[in-house]
N, C-alpha and C. Protein backbone atom coordinates (compact mmCIF):
# COMPACT_ATOMS: atom_id res chain seq x y z
N UNK A 1 0.70 -1.24 -0.04
CA UNK A 1 0.09 0.07 0.08
C UNK A 1 0.78 1.20 0.03
N UNK A 2 1.91 1.04 0.70
CA UNK A 2 2.85 2.29 0.92
C UNK A 2 3.59 2.48 -0.60
N UNK A 3 3.80 1.45 -1.33
CA UNK A 3 4.37 1.74 -2.60
C UNK A 3 3.35 2.27 -3.68
N UNK A 4 2.13 1.91 -3.49
CA UNK A 4 1.07 2.57 -4.24
C UNK A 4 0.94 4.03 -4.09
N UNK A 5 1.10 4.41 -2.94
CA UNK A 5 0.96 5.86 -2.45
C UNK A 5 2.19 6.54 -3.08
N UNK A 6 3.32 6.04 -3.12
CA UNK A 6 4.40 6.56 -3.54
C UNK A 6 4.42 6.75 -5.26
N UNK A 7 3.80 5.81 -5.82
CA UNK A 7 3.86 5.73 -7.30
C UNK A 7 2.81 6.63 -7.86
N UNK A 8 1.67 6.84 -7.16
CA UNK A 8 0.50 7.63 -7.65
C UNK A 8 1.11 9.16 -7.90
N UNK A 9 1.75 9.84 -6.98
CA UNK A 9 2.16 11.14 -7.41
C UNK A 9 2.96 11.11 -8.75
N UNK A 10 3.96 10.16 -8.76
CA UNK A 10 4.72 10.07 -10.02
C UNK A 10 4.04 10.08 -11.30
N UNK A 11 2.90 9.10 -11.10
CA UNK A 11 2.08 9.03 -12.45
C UNK A 11 1.46 10.31 -12.66
N UNK A 12 0.80 10.86 -11.63
CA UNK A 12 0.24 12.23 -11.98
C UNK A 12 1.15 13.19 -12.67
N UNK A 13 2.41 13.35 -12.19
CA UNK A 13 3.35 14.23 -12.74
C UNK A 13 3.58 13.92 -14.29
N UNK A 14 3.77 12.62 -14.64
CA UNK A 14 4.16 12.31 -15.83
C UNK A 14 2.83 12.47 -16.82
N UNK A 15 1.77 12.09 -16.34
CA UNK A 15 0.61 12.11 -17.15
C UNK A 15 -0.03 13.42 -17.47
N UNK A 16 0.25 14.50 -16.74
CA UNK A 16 -0.28 15.83 -16.63
C UNK A 16 0.25 16.68 -17.85
N UNK A 17 1.38 16.23 -18.46
CA UNK A 17 1.82 17.09 -19.50
C UNK A 17 0.81 17.24 -20.72
N UNK A 18 0.49 18.50 -21.06
CA UNK A 18 -0.33 18.74 -22.22
C UNK A 18 0.32 19.46 -23.41
N UNK A 19 1.64 19.64 -23.20
CA UNK A 19 2.33 20.37 -24.34
C UNK A 19 2.46 19.57 -25.58
N UNK A 20 1.97 20.11 -26.67
CA UNK A 20 2.16 19.52 -27.99
C UNK A 20 3.44 19.60 -28.62
N UNK A 21 4.09 18.60 -29.20
CA UNK A 21 5.44 18.73 -29.83
C UNK A 21 5.29 19.88 -30.89
N UNK A 22 6.34 20.65 -31.06
CA UNK A 22 6.23 21.82 -32.08
C UNK A 22 7.20 21.46 -33.11
N UNK A 23 7.02 22.02 -34.30
CA UNK A 23 7.84 21.93 -35.45
C UNK A 23 8.26 23.19 -35.97
N UNK A 24 9.49 23.41 -36.67
CA UNK A 24 9.85 24.65 -37.04
C UNK A 24 9.24 24.75 -38.54
N UNK A 25 8.67 25.84 -39.03
CA UNK A 25 8.18 26.10 -40.30
C UNK A 25 8.86 27.35 -40.78
N UNK A 26 9.09 27.51 -42.06
CA UNK A 26 9.61 28.72 -42.64
C UNK A 26 8.77 28.87 -43.97
N UNK A 27 8.32 30.21 -44.03
CA UNK A 27 7.39 30.58 -45.13
C UNK A 27 7.97 31.70 -45.93
N UNK A 28 7.64 31.97 -47.17
CA UNK A 28 8.12 33.17 -47.89
C UNK A 28 7.21 33.20 -49.04
N UNK A 29 7.24 34.31 -49.79
CA UNK A 29 6.55 34.64 -51.01
C UNK A 29 7.66 34.72 -51.98
N UNK A 30 7.47 34.07 -53.16
CA UNK A 30 8.42 33.98 -54.29
C UNK A 30 7.84 34.16 -55.64
N UNK A 31 8.51 34.94 -56.50
CA UNK A 31 7.98 35.30 -57.70
C UNK A 31 8.80 34.23 -58.75
N UNK A 32 7.97 33.31 -59.14
CA UNK A 32 8.49 32.22 -60.14
C UNK A 32 8.09 32.40 -61.59
N UNK A 33 7.43 33.61 -61.91
CA UNK A 33 7.12 34.02 -63.19
C UNK A 33 8.39 34.63 -63.91
N UNK A 34 8.44 34.97 -65.14
CA UNK A 34 9.53 35.52 -65.75
C UNK A 34 9.36 37.05 -65.87
N UNK A 35 8.41 37.62 -65.17
CA UNK A 35 8.12 38.94 -65.27
C UNK A 35 8.24 39.71 -63.84
N UNK A 36 8.73 41.00 -63.83
CA UNK A 36 8.71 41.69 -62.51
C UNK A 36 7.46 42.15 -62.23
N UNK A 37 7.15 42.22 -60.89
CA UNK A 37 5.81 42.68 -60.35
C UNK A 37 6.01 43.40 -59.15
N UNK A 38 4.96 44.40 -58.94
CA UNK A 38 4.97 45.10 -57.70
C UNK A 38 3.91 44.52 -56.74
N UNK A 39 4.35 44.36 -55.51
CA UNK A 39 3.32 43.63 -54.52
C UNK A 39 3.28 44.63 -53.23
N UNK A 40 1.96 44.90 -53.04
CA UNK A 40 1.63 45.66 -51.86
C UNK A 40 0.75 44.66 -50.80
N UNK A 41 1.17 44.59 -49.67
CA UNK A 41 0.44 43.63 -48.62
C UNK A 41 0.19 44.67 -47.46
N UNK A 42 -1.06 44.70 -47.18
CA UNK A 42 -1.42 45.38 -45.87
C UNK A 42 -2.04 44.43 -44.92
N UNK A 43 -1.75 44.72 -43.53
CA UNK A 43 -2.34 43.79 -42.56
C UNK A 43 -1.90 44.20 -41.23
N UNK A 44 -2.04 43.23 -40.41
CA UNK A 44 -1.69 43.51 -38.83
C UNK A 44 -0.42 42.72 -38.59
N UNK A 45 0.70 43.45 -38.52
CA UNK A 45 1.98 42.86 -38.28
C UNK A 45 2.51 42.72 -36.90
N UNK A 46 1.61 43.14 -35.90
CA UNK A 46 1.98 43.33 -34.51
C UNK A 46 1.03 42.60 -33.66
N UNK A 47 0.22 41.69 -34.29
CA UNK A 47 -0.69 40.75 -33.32
C UNK A 47 -1.56 41.54 -32.53
N UNK A 48 -2.24 42.74 -32.99
CA UNK A 48 -3.07 43.41 -32.08
C UNK A 48 -4.36 42.94 -32.30
N UNK A 49 -5.36 43.22 -31.38
CA UNK A 49 -6.68 42.69 -31.32
C UNK A 49 -7.64 43.33 -32.25
N UNK A 50 -7.38 44.59 -32.53
CA UNK A 50 -8.19 45.26 -33.44
C UNK A 50 -7.41 45.50 -34.76
N UNK A 51 -8.15 45.30 -35.96
CA UNK A 51 -7.46 45.32 -37.28
C UNK A 51 -6.75 46.79 -37.51
N UNK A 52 -5.52 46.60 -37.94
CA UNK A 52 -4.68 47.68 -38.26
C UNK A 52 -4.19 47.60 -39.57
N UNK A 53 -4.09 48.43 -40.45
CA UNK A 53 -3.79 48.16 -41.91
C UNK A 53 -2.38 48.78 -41.95
N UNK A 54 -1.48 47.93 -41.44
CA UNK A 54 0.02 48.30 -41.54
C UNK A 54 0.48 47.92 -42.96
N UNK A 55 1.47 48.82 -43.56
CA UNK A 55 2.04 48.28 -44.82
C UNK A 55 3.17 47.28 -44.27
N UNK A 56 2.83 46.02 -44.74
CA UNK A 56 3.81 44.91 -44.46
C UNK A 56 4.85 44.73 -45.51
N UNK A 57 4.43 44.94 -46.74
CA UNK A 57 5.31 44.84 -48.00
C UNK A 57 4.81 45.87 -48.99
N UNK A 58 5.65 46.51 -49.71
CA UNK A 58 5.54 47.36 -50.64
C UNK A 58 6.80 47.55 -51.50
N UNK A 59 6.97 46.58 -52.43
CA UNK A 59 8.28 46.48 -53.03
C UNK A 59 8.00 45.90 -54.56
N UNK A 60 9.05 45.92 -55.38
CA UNK A 60 9.09 45.27 -56.51
C UNK A 60 9.73 43.80 -56.48
N UNK A 61 9.23 42.96 -57.14
CA UNK A 61 9.83 41.54 -57.05
C UNK A 61 10.30 41.21 -58.47
N UNK A 62 11.50 41.08 -58.88
CA UNK A 62 12.06 40.42 -60.05
C UNK A 62 11.75 38.95 -60.18
N UNK A 63 11.99 38.29 -61.24
CA UNK A 63 11.82 37.02 -61.36
C UNK A 63 12.78 36.24 -60.44
N UNK A 64 12.31 35.34 -59.69
CA UNK A 64 13.21 34.48 -58.63
C UNK A 64 13.30 35.07 -57.33
N UNK A 65 12.87 36.34 -57.12
CA UNK A 65 13.00 37.10 -55.88
C UNK A 65 12.10 36.56 -54.63
N UNK A 66 12.54 36.63 -53.63
CA UNK A 66 11.85 36.05 -52.34
C UNK A 66 11.70 37.14 -51.25
N UNK A 67 10.50 37.39 -50.69
CA UNK A 67 10.28 38.31 -49.52
C UNK A 67 9.54 37.69 -48.68
N UNK A 68 9.48 38.29 -47.44
CA UNK A 68 8.67 38.06 -46.30
C UNK A 68 8.93 36.81 -45.69
N UNK A 69 10.35 36.36 -45.82
CA UNK A 69 10.70 34.98 -45.33
C UNK A 69 10.82 35.05 -43.77
N UNK A 70 10.01 34.18 -42.97
CA UNK A 70 9.89 34.08 -41.70
C UNK A 70 9.90 32.63 -41.19
N UNK A 71 10.32 32.37 -40.00
CA UNK A 71 10.29 31.15 -39.34
C UNK A 71 9.52 31.18 -37.99
N UNK A 72 8.95 30.13 -37.58
CA UNK A 72 8.27 30.03 -36.39
C UNK A 72 8.13 28.48 -35.90
N UNK A 73 7.85 28.36 -34.75
CA UNK A 73 7.71 27.01 -34.29
C UNK A 73 6.21 26.95 -33.53
N UNK A 74 5.45 25.89 -34.16
CA UNK A 74 4.14 25.64 -33.55
C UNK A 74 3.86 24.08 -33.79
N UNK A 75 2.90 23.59 -33.23
CA UNK A 75 2.40 22.23 -33.34
C UNK A 75 1.89 21.93 -34.62
N UNK A 76 1.40 22.85 -35.54
CA UNK A 76 1.00 22.57 -36.85
C UNK A 76 1.16 23.74 -37.81
N UNK A 77 1.28 23.57 -39.08
CA UNK A 77 1.44 24.61 -39.95
C UNK A 77 0.16 25.47 -40.27
N UNK A 78 0.59 26.88 -40.30
CA UNK A 78 -0.51 27.73 -40.35
C UNK A 78 -0.20 28.89 -41.43
N UNK A 79 0.66 28.62 -42.30
CA UNK A 79 1.03 29.63 -43.31
C UNK A 79 1.60 30.76 -42.67
N UNK A 80 1.19 32.05 -43.16
CA UNK A 80 1.64 33.25 -42.40
C UNK A 80 0.93 33.71 -41.35
N UNK A 81 -0.16 32.86 -40.93
CA UNK A 81 -1.03 33.17 -39.89
C UNK A 81 -0.83 32.21 -38.67
N UNK A 82 0.41 32.15 -38.11
CA UNK A 82 0.77 30.97 -37.27
C UNK A 82 0.32 31.35 -35.78
N UNK A 83 -0.20 32.42 -35.34
CA UNK A 83 -0.73 32.81 -34.05
C UNK A 83 0.26 33.21 -32.98
N UNK A 84 1.65 32.97 -33.26
CA UNK A 84 2.60 33.39 -32.34
C UNK A 84 3.38 34.69 -32.87
N UNK A 85 4.01 34.40 -34.05
CA UNK A 85 4.61 35.49 -34.67
C UNK A 85 3.84 36.01 -35.80
N UNK A 86 2.43 36.01 -35.69
CA UNK A 86 1.52 36.00 -36.60
C UNK A 86 1.54 37.46 -37.31
N UNK A 87 1.29 37.30 -38.68
CA UNK A 87 0.85 38.58 -39.46
C UNK A 87 -0.44 38.03 -39.93
N UNK A 88 -1.24 39.06 -39.90
CA UNK A 88 -2.72 38.76 -40.52
C UNK A 88 -2.87 39.72 -41.74
N UNK A 89 -2.87 39.12 -42.93
CA UNK A 89 -2.92 39.80 -44.21
C UNK A 89 -4.46 40.09 -44.54
N UNK A 90 -4.72 41.38 -44.76
CA UNK A 90 -5.96 41.82 -45.07
C UNK A 90 -6.15 42.07 -46.55
N UNK A 91 -5.08 42.51 -47.15
CA UNK A 91 -5.34 43.08 -48.44
C UNK A 91 -3.87 42.78 -49.20
N UNK A 92 -4.11 42.33 -50.45
CA UNK A 92 -2.85 42.17 -51.33
C UNK A 92 -3.10 42.69 -52.84
N UNK A 93 -2.24 43.44 -53.22
CA UNK A 93 -2.27 43.86 -54.62
C UNK A 93 -0.94 43.52 -55.29
N UNK A 94 -1.06 42.69 -56.36
CA UNK A 94 0.05 42.24 -57.18
C UNK A 94 -0.21 42.80 -58.59
N UNK A 95 0.66 43.51 -59.09
CA UNK A 95 0.50 44.25 -60.43
C UNK A 95 1.95 43.93 -61.23
N UNK A 96 1.75 43.27 -62.29
CA UNK A 96 2.81 43.02 -63.29
C UNK A 96 3.20 44.19 -63.97
N UNK A 97 4.37 44.55 -64.05
CA UNK A 97 4.82 45.81 -64.50
C UNK A 97 4.77 46.22 -65.98
N UNK A 98 4.62 45.25 -66.80
CA UNK A 98 4.65 45.31 -68.19
C UNK A 98 3.31 45.46 -68.91
N UNK A 99 2.23 45.14 -68.05
CA UNK A 99 0.87 45.18 -68.77
C UNK A 99 -0.29 45.67 -67.93
N UNK A 100 -0.02 46.28 -66.77
CA UNK A 100 -1.01 46.64 -65.88
C UNK A 100 -2.16 45.62 -65.63
N UNK A 101 -1.78 44.49 -65.52
CA UNK A 101 -2.45 43.42 -64.97
C UNK A 101 -2.19 42.95 -63.76
N UNK A 102 -3.01 42.15 -63.05
CA UNK A 102 -2.68 41.55 -61.71
C UNK A 102 -3.77 41.17 -60.93
N UNK A 103 -3.64 41.36 -59.46
CA UNK A 103 -4.66 40.75 -58.76
C UNK A 103 -4.86 41.61 -57.46
N UNK A 104 -6.12 41.79 -57.11
CA UNK A 104 -6.36 42.58 -55.80
C UNK A 104 -7.24 41.67 -54.94
N UNK A 105 -6.61 41.36 -53.83
CA UNK A 105 -7.37 40.23 -52.92
C UNK A 105 -7.62 41.01 -51.66
N UNK A 106 -8.81 40.98 -51.04
CA UNK A 106 -9.11 41.29 -49.75
C UNK A 106 -9.75 40.28 -48.80
N UNK A 107 -9.39 40.36 -47.70
CA UNK A 107 -9.89 39.22 -46.79
C UNK A 107 -11.36 39.44 -46.59
N UNK A 108 -12.16 38.26 -46.68
CA UNK A 108 -13.55 38.19 -46.51
C UNK A 108 -14.32 39.12 -47.47
N UNK A 109 -13.78 39.07 -48.70
CA UNK A 109 -14.35 39.93 -49.79
C UNK A 109 -14.55 39.07 -51.08
N UNK A 110 -15.75 39.26 -51.72
CA UNK A 110 -15.92 38.53 -52.94
C UNK A 110 -15.39 39.33 -54.29
N UNK A 111 -14.37 40.01 -54.00
CA UNK A 111 -13.85 40.82 -55.14
C UNK A 111 -13.41 39.81 -56.19
N UNK A 112 -13.83 40.07 -57.35
CA UNK A 112 -13.54 39.33 -58.66
C UNK A 112 -12.15 39.54 -59.27
N UNK A 113 -11.28 40.47 -58.59
CA UNK A 113 -10.00 40.62 -59.15
C UNK A 113 -8.95 39.80 -58.44
N UNK A 114 -9.43 38.91 -57.57
CA UNK A 114 -8.53 37.96 -56.90
C UNK A 114 -8.24 36.69 -57.68
N UNK A 115 -7.38 35.76 -57.24
CA UNK A 115 -7.02 34.65 -57.92
C UNK A 115 -8.25 33.82 -58.09
N UNK A 116 -8.37 33.28 -59.31
CA UNK A 116 -9.53 32.19 -59.43
C UNK A 116 -8.98 30.75 -59.37
N UNK A 117 -7.68 30.53 -59.64
CA UNK A 117 -7.04 29.29 -59.74
C UNK A 117 -6.34 28.88 -58.45
N UNK A 118 -6.29 29.61 -57.37
CA UNK A 118 -5.57 29.32 -56.28
C UNK A 118 -6.18 30.18 -55.02
N UNK A 119 -5.70 29.82 -53.91
CA UNK A 119 -6.18 30.54 -52.76
C UNK A 119 -5.19 31.87 -52.67
N UNK A 120 -5.72 32.96 -52.25
CA UNK A 120 -4.92 34.14 -52.00
C UNK A 120 -4.13 34.24 -50.81
N UNK A 121 -3.17 35.15 -50.77
CA UNK A 121 -2.34 35.29 -49.47
C UNK A 121 -3.32 35.67 -48.21
N UNK A 122 -4.24 36.12 -48.42
CA UNK A 122 -5.24 36.36 -47.18
C UNK A 122 -5.79 35.15 -46.71
N UNK A 123 -5.81 34.03 -47.42
CA UNK A 123 -6.56 32.91 -46.89
C UNK A 123 -5.51 31.57 -46.98
N UNK A 124 -4.19 31.87 -47.30
CA UNK A 124 -3.29 30.55 -47.25
C UNK A 124 -2.78 30.19 -46.03
N UNK A 125 -3.59 29.14 -45.64
CA UNK A 125 -3.28 28.71 -44.23
C UNK A 125 -2.74 27.22 -44.23
N UNK A 126 -2.90 26.58 -45.27
CA UNK A 126 -2.43 25.15 -45.29
C UNK A 126 -1.26 24.86 -46.10
N UNK A 127 -0.63 23.77 -45.85
CA UNK A 127 0.67 23.29 -46.50
C UNK A 127 0.34 23.31 -48.03
N UNK A 128 -0.88 22.71 -48.32
CA UNK A 128 -1.04 22.60 -49.90
C UNK A 128 -1.22 23.83 -50.56
N UNK A 129 -1.41 25.00 -49.79
CA UNK A 129 -1.44 26.28 -50.47
C UNK A 129 -0.09 26.80 -50.84
N UNK A 130 1.06 26.21 -50.56
CA UNK A 130 2.50 26.47 -50.62
C UNK A 130 3.09 25.58 -51.53
N UNK A 131 4.32 25.83 -51.96
CA UNK A 131 5.20 24.80 -52.47
C UNK A 131 6.40 24.65 -51.62
N UNK A 132 6.66 23.36 -51.10
CA UNK A 132 7.66 23.10 -50.24
C UNK A 132 8.97 22.62 -50.96
N UNK A 133 10.01 23.49 -50.74
CA UNK A 133 11.20 23.25 -51.41
C UNK A 133 12.47 23.65 -50.55
N UNK A 134 13.44 22.86 -50.27
CA UNK A 134 14.56 23.02 -49.45
C UNK A 134 14.23 23.64 -47.95
N UNK A 135 13.19 22.89 -47.41
CA UNK A 135 12.85 23.31 -46.03
C UNK A 135 11.94 24.65 -45.91
N UNK A 136 11.56 25.28 -47.01
CA UNK A 136 10.71 26.57 -46.99
C UNK A 136 9.44 26.29 -47.75
N UNK A 137 8.41 26.80 -47.20
CA UNK A 137 7.12 26.76 -47.76
C UNK A 137 6.89 28.17 -48.59
N UNK A 138 6.88 28.02 -49.89
CA UNK A 138 6.84 29.30 -50.63
C UNK A 138 5.40 29.47 -51.19
N UNK A 139 4.81 30.73 -50.98
CA UNK A 139 3.77 31.13 -51.83
C UNK A 139 4.18 31.65 -53.10
N UNK A 140 3.93 30.94 -54.19
CA UNK A 140 4.56 31.12 -55.45
C UNK A 140 3.52 32.11 -56.33
N UNK A 141 4.03 33.08 -56.92
CA UNK A 141 3.47 33.90 -57.98
C UNK A 141 4.17 33.44 -59.17
N UNK A 142 3.25 32.75 -59.98
CA UNK A 142 3.73 31.88 -61.18
C UNK A 142 3.54 32.58 -62.45
N UNK A 143 4.17 31.91 -63.44
CA UNK A 143 3.90 32.20 -64.87
C UNK A 143 2.47 32.18 -65.25
N UNK A 144 1.74 31.10 -64.70
CA UNK A 144 0.43 30.89 -65.00
C UNK A 144 -0.51 32.12 -64.35
N UNK A 145 -0.01 32.56 -63.36
CA UNK A 145 -0.71 33.55 -62.58
C UNK A 145 -0.46 34.91 -63.43
N UNK A 146 0.57 35.16 -64.02
CA UNK A 146 0.87 36.38 -64.93
C UNK A 146 -0.14 36.11 -66.19
N UNK A 147 -0.12 34.85 -66.62
CA UNK A 147 -1.04 34.78 -67.95
C UNK A 147 -2.49 34.89 -67.57
N UNK A 148 -3.01 34.61 -66.42
CA UNK A 148 -4.49 34.65 -66.08
C UNK A 148 -4.69 36.00 -65.26
N UNK A 149 -3.83 36.89 -65.22
CA UNK A 149 -4.16 38.18 -64.41
C UNK A 149 -5.16 39.00 -64.98
N UNK A 150 -5.88 39.73 -64.09
CA UNK A 150 -6.96 40.63 -64.47
C UNK A 150 -6.41 41.96 -64.96
N UNK A 151 -7.17 42.64 -65.69
CA UNK A 151 -6.86 44.19 -66.05
C UNK A 151 -7.17 44.83 -64.84
N UNK A 152 -6.25 45.66 -64.18
CA UNK A 152 -6.55 46.36 -63.08
C UNK A 152 -7.06 47.84 -63.29
N UNK A 153 -7.91 48.24 -62.30
CA UNK A 153 -8.45 49.50 -62.33
C UNK A 153 -7.33 50.62 -62.19
């Protein structure tokens, strides 16, 4: 009986752990088209509770360029919306420099200028929304995206 009383506290200590194992994930945006593009991303970059439209990215991407590369550790993949070092993307505008075509995507909007053949950056939460290469999950802007782009206002 004395041995059982000694073993019970040990079992409680061992079985009470609720921490999930974490993995490291690295995400980035990459231009795999052969055309330069301008990209503007607005969102909440400081994990505030109220929506704030910070300019997270406003740059030109040449073919092969990578931006917004970040790493985080969590139990499961969540794209750029990982909950710890989270950025919440509300608005993305991608415009190809040679033809005034591109995409405008807004979170929770039925905007018809967003992508029709893939998930936008505002909703890219899952591994299958990215291309995994050399340990990095890339959100690719592809040659097909260039070819299917909308005429922008």
